[in-house]
Amino acid sequence: ANLLFKLRSNLKGKVVLVFQPAEEAGTGAKRLIDRLYKKIIFI
């Protein structure tokens, strides 16, 4: 995040940082992908 902040004048568009939920139950990654995958544009 600090590096992105320093380089923000060189970036165009929006940067979204996505963090994986806790994995105690082993379902966090799947839930994250199921809910967000279609909403995020990957380059």
PDB file of N, CA and C in Angstrom:
ATOM      1  N   ALA A   1       0.822  -1.181   0.000  1.00  0.00           N
ATOM      2  CA  ALA A   1       0.000   0.000   0.000  1.00  0.00           C
ATOM      3  C   ALA A   1       0.871   1.251   0.000  1.00  0.00           C
ATOM      4  N   ASN A   2       1.954   1.246   0.769  1.00  0.00           N
ATOM      5  CA  ASN A   2       2.836   2.414   0.796  1.00  0.00           C
ATOM      6  C   ASN A   2       3.457   2.669  -0.567  1.00  0.00           C
ATOM      7  N   LEU A   3       3.884   1.621  -1.247  1.00  0.00           N
ATOM      8  CA  LEU A   3       4.480   1.764  -2.575  1.00  0.00           C
ATOM      9  C   LEU A   3       3.450   2.288  -3.575  1.00  0.00           C
ATOM     10  N   LEU A   4       2.252   1.746  -3.540  1.00  0.00           N
ATOM     11  CA  LEU A   4       1.197   2.236  -4.425  1.00  0.00           C
ATOM     12  C   LEU A   4       0.895   3.705  -4.152  1.00  0.00           C
ATOM     13  N   PHE A   5       0.895   4.089  -2.898  1.00  0.00           N
ATOM     14  CA  PHE A   5       0.646   5.485  -2.541  1.00  0.00           C
ATOM     15  C   PHE A   5       1.734   6.383  -3.117  1.00  0.00           C
ATOM     16  N   LYS A   6       2.980   5.959  -3.013  1.00  0.00           N
ATOM     17  CA  LYS A   6       4.096   6.753  -3.544  1.00  0.00           C
ATOM     18  C   LYS A   6       4.050   6.859  -5.063  1.00  0.00           C
ATOM     19  N   LEU A   7       3.552   5.821  -5.726  1.00  0.00           N
ATOM     20  CA  LEU A   7       3.516   5.793  -7.189  1.00  0.00           C
ATOM     21  C   LEU A   7       2.167   6.219  -7.761  1.00  0.00           C
ATOM     22  N   ARG A   8       1.272   6.726  -6.931  1.00  0.00           N
ATOM     23  CA  ARG A   8      -0.099   7.007  -7.360  1.00  0.00           C
ATOM     24  C   ARG A   8      -0.174   7.951  -8.552  1.00  0.00           C
ATOM     25  N   SER A   9       0.767   8.885  -8.701  1.00  0.00           N
ATOM     26  CA  SER A   9       0.707   9.801  -9.846  1.00  0.00           C
ATOM     27  C   SER A   9       1.016   9.086 -11.156  1.00  0.00           C
ATOM     28  N   ASN A  10       1.644   7.917 -11.098  1.00  0.00           N
ATOM     29  CA  ASN A  10       1.969   7.138 -12.295  1.00  0.00           C
ATOM     30  C   ASN A  10       0.894   6.114 -12.638  1.00  0.00           C
ATOM     31  N   LEU A  11      -0.093   5.961 -11.789  1.00  0.00           N
ATOM     32  CA  LEU A  11      -1.130   4.953 -11.993  1.00  0.00           C
ATOM     33  C   LEU A  11      -2.388   5.594 -12.558  1.00  0.00           C
ATOM     34  N   LYS A  12      -3.017   4.890 -13.482  1.00  0.00           N
ATOM     35  CA  LYS A  12      -4.295   5.346 -14.024  1.00  0.00           C
ATOM     36  C   LYS A  12      -5.362   4.358 -13.585  1.00  0.00           C
ATOM     37  N   GLY A  13      -6.519   4.846 -13.295  1.00  0.00           N
ATOM     38  CA  GLY A  13      -7.601   3.964 -12.873  1.00  0.00           C
ATOM     39  C   GLY A  13      -7.621   3.782 -11.368  1.00  0.00           C
ATOM     40  N   LYS A  14      -8.221   2.690 -10.948  1.00  0.00           N
ATOM     41  CA  LYS A  14      -8.424   2.424  -9.527  1.00  0.00           C
ATOM     42  C   LYS A  14      -7.707   1.141  -9.141  1.00  0.00           C
ATOM     43  N   VAL A  15      -7.046   1.164  -8.018  1.00  0.00           N
ATOM     44  CA  VAL A  15      -6.392  -0.026  -7.477  1.00  0.00           C
ATOM     45  C   VAL A  15      -7.200  -0.483  -6.274  1.00  0.00           C
ATOM     46  N   VAL A  16      -7.546  -1.755  -6.251  1.00  0.00           N
ATOM     47  CA  VAL A  16      -8.303  -2.320  -5.143  1.00  0.00           C
ATOM     48  C   VAL A  16      -7.459  -3.408  -4.502  1.00  0.00           C
ATOM     49  N   LEU A  17      -7.223  -3.297  -3.217  1.00  0.00           N
ATOM     50  CA  LEU A  17      -6.496  -4.325  -2.478  1.00  0.00           C
ATOM     51  C   LEU A  17      -7.518  -5.262  -1.855  1.00  0.00           C
ATOM     52  N   VAL A  18      -7.363  -6.550  -2.115  1.00  0.00           N
ATOM     53  CA  VAL A  18      -8.304  -7.545  -1.606  1.00  0.00           C
ATOM     54  C   VAL A  18      -7.550  -8.488  -0.686  1.00  0.00           C
ATOM     55  N   PHE A  19      -8.047  -8.641   0.519  1.00  0.00           N
ATOM     56  CA  PHE A  19      -7.429  -9.524   1.496  1.00  0.00           C
ATOM     57  C   PHE A  19      -8.343 -10.707   1.763  1.00  0.00           C
ATOM     58  N   GLN A  20      -7.743 -11.855   1.901  1.00  0.00           N
ATOM     59  CA  GLN A  20      -8.506 -13.083   2.133  1.00  0.00           C
ATOM     60  C   GLN A  20      -8.989 -13.147   3.577  1.00  0.00           C
ATOM     61  N   PRO A  21     -10.251 -13.530   3.771  1.00  0.00           N
ATOM     62  CA  PRO A  21     -10.775 -13.690   5.131  1.00  0.00           C
ATOM     63  C   PRO A  21     -10.051 -14.812   5.882  1.00  0.00           C
ATOM     64  N   ALA A  22     -10.271 -14.873   7.156  1.00  0.00           N
ATOM     65  CA  ALA A  22      -9.655 -15.913   7.989  1.00  0.00           C
ATOM     66  C   ALA A  22      -9.959 -17.297   7.439  1.00  0.00           C
ATOM     67  N   GLU A  23      -9.030 -18.192   7.626  1.00  0.00           N
ATOM     68  CA  GLU A  23      -9.162 -19.531   7.053  1.00  0.00           C
ATOM     69  C   GLU A  23      -9.399 -20.617   8.097  1.00  0.00           C
ATOM     70  N   GLU A  24      -9.893 -20.271   9.261  1.00  0.00           N
ATOM     71  CA  GLU A  24     -10.124 -21.285  10.291  1.00  0.00           C
ATOM     72  C   GLU A  24     -11.064 -22.388   9.812  1.00  0.00           C
ATOM     73  N   ALA A  25     -12.086 -21.999   9.055  1.00  0.00           N
ATOM     74  CA  ALA A  25     -13.056 -22.990   8.577  1.00  0.00           C
ATOM     75  C   ALA A  25     -12.673 -23.557   7.215  1.00  0.00           C
ATOM     76  N   GLY A  26     -11.674 -22.956   6.570  1.00  0.00           N
ATOM     77  CA  GLY A  26     -11.245 -23.440   5.263  1.00  0.00           C
ATOM     78  C   GLY A  26     -12.141 -23.030   4.112  1.00  0.00           C
ATOM     79  N   THR A  27     -13.001 -22.038   4.327  1.00  0.00           N
ATOM     80  CA  THR A  27     -13.928 -21.620   3.269  1.00  0.00           C
ATOM     81  C   THR A  27     -13.761 -20.161   2.863  1.00  0.00           C
ATOM     82  N   GLY A  28     -12.844 -19.460   3.484  1.00  0.00           N
ATOM     83  CA  GLY A  28     -12.685 -18.026   3.222  1.00  0.00           C
ATOM     84  C   GLY A  28     -12.350 -17.692   1.784  1.00  0.00           C
ATOM     85  N   ALA A  29     -11.400 -18.415   1.190  1.00  0.00           N
ATOM     86  CA  ALA A  29     -10.991 -18.122  -0.183  1.00  0.00           C
ATOM     87  C   ALA A  29     -12.131 -18.372  -1.161  1.00  0.00           C
ATOM     88  N   LYS A  30     -12.841 -19.472  -1.007  1.00  0.00           N
ATOM     89  CA  LYS A  30     -13.949 -19.783  -1.915  1.00  0.00           C
ATOM     90  C   LYS A  30     -15.037 -18.722  -1.812  1.00  0.00           C
ATOM     91  N   ARG A  31     -15.362 -18.316  -0.617  1.00  0.00           N
ATOM     92  CA  ARG A  31     -16.383 -17.290  -0.416  1.00  0.00           C
ATOM     93  C   ARG A  31     -15.954 -15.970  -1.059  1.00  0.00           C
ATOM     94  N   LEU A  32     -14.680 -15.627  -0.886  1.00  0.00           N
ATOM     95  CA  LEU A  32     -14.149 -14.404  -1.469  1.00  0.00           C
ATOM     96  C   LEU A  32     -14.271 -14.442  -2.987  1.00  0.00           C
ATOM     97  N   ILE A  33     -13.861 -15.530  -3.591  1.00  0.00           N
ATOM     98  CA  ILE A  33     -13.919 -15.661  -5.047  1.00  0.00           C
ATOM     99  C   ILE A  33     -15.360 -15.644  -5.531  1.00  0.00           C
ATOM    100  N   ASP A  34     -16.228 -16.390  -4.879  1.00  0.00           N
ATOM    101  CA  ASP A  34     -17.629 -16.461  -5.297  1.00  0.00           C
ATOM    102  C   ASP A  34     -18.308 -15.099  -5.265  1.00  0.00           C
ATOM    103  N   ARG A  35     -17.979 -14.287  -4.295  1.00  0.00           N
ATOM    104  CA  ARG A  35     -18.671 -13.005  -4.125  1.00  0.00           C
ATOM    105  C   ARG A  35     -18.041 -11.860  -4.906  1.00  0.00           C
ATOM    106  N   LEU A  36     -16.729 -11.883  -5.097  1.00  0.00           N
ATOM    107  CA  LEU A  36     -16.058 -10.726  -5.687  1.00  0.00           C
ATOM    108  C   LEU A  36     -15.552 -10.923  -7.101  1.00  0.00           C
ATOM    109  N   TYR A  37     -15.363 -12.149  -7.529  1.00  0.00           N
ATOM    110  CA  TYR A  37     -14.698 -12.416  -8.801  1.00  0.00           C
ATOM    111  C   TYR A  37     -15.327 -11.668  -9.967  1.00  0.00           C
ATOM    112  N   LYS A  38     -16.629 -11.663 -10.058  1.00  0.00           N
ATOM    113  CA  LYS A  38     -17.300 -11.017 -11.186  1.00  0.00           C
ATOM    114  C   LYS A  38     -17.320  -9.498 -11.070  1.00  0.00           C
ATOM    115  N   LYS A  39     -16.985  -8.956  -9.908  1.00  0.00           N
ATOM    116  CA  LYS A  39     -17.015  -7.512  -9.710  1.00  0.00           C
ATOM    117  C   LYS A  39     -15.658  -6.860  -9.949  1.00  0.00           C
ATOM    118  N   ILE A  40     -14.603  -7.650 -10.080  1.00  0.00           N
ATOM    119  CA  ILE A  40     -13.253  -7.112 -10.214  1.00  0.00           C
ATOM    120  C   ILE A  40     -12.775  -7.277 -11.647  1.00  0.00           C
ATOM    121  N   ILE A  41     -12.224  -6.210 -12.208  1.00  0.00           N
ATOM    122  CA  ILE A  41     -11.653  -6.258 -13.547  1.00  0.00           C
ATOM    123  C   ILE A  41     -10.161  -6.523 -13.394  1.00  0.00           C
ATOM    124  N   PHE A  42      -9.691  -7.602 -13.992  1.00  0.00           N
ATOM    125  CA  PHE A  42      -8.282  -7.967 -13.914  1.00  0.00           C
ATOM    126  C   PHE A  42      -7.575  -7.540 -15.186  1.00  0.00           C
ATOM    127  N   ILE A  43      -6.369  -7.045 -15.039  1.00  0.00           N
ATOM    128  CA  ILE A  43      -5.558  -6.671 -16.202  1.00  0.00           C
ATOM    129  C   ILE A  43      -4.332  -7.554 -16.245  1.00  0.00           C
TER     130      ILE A  43
END
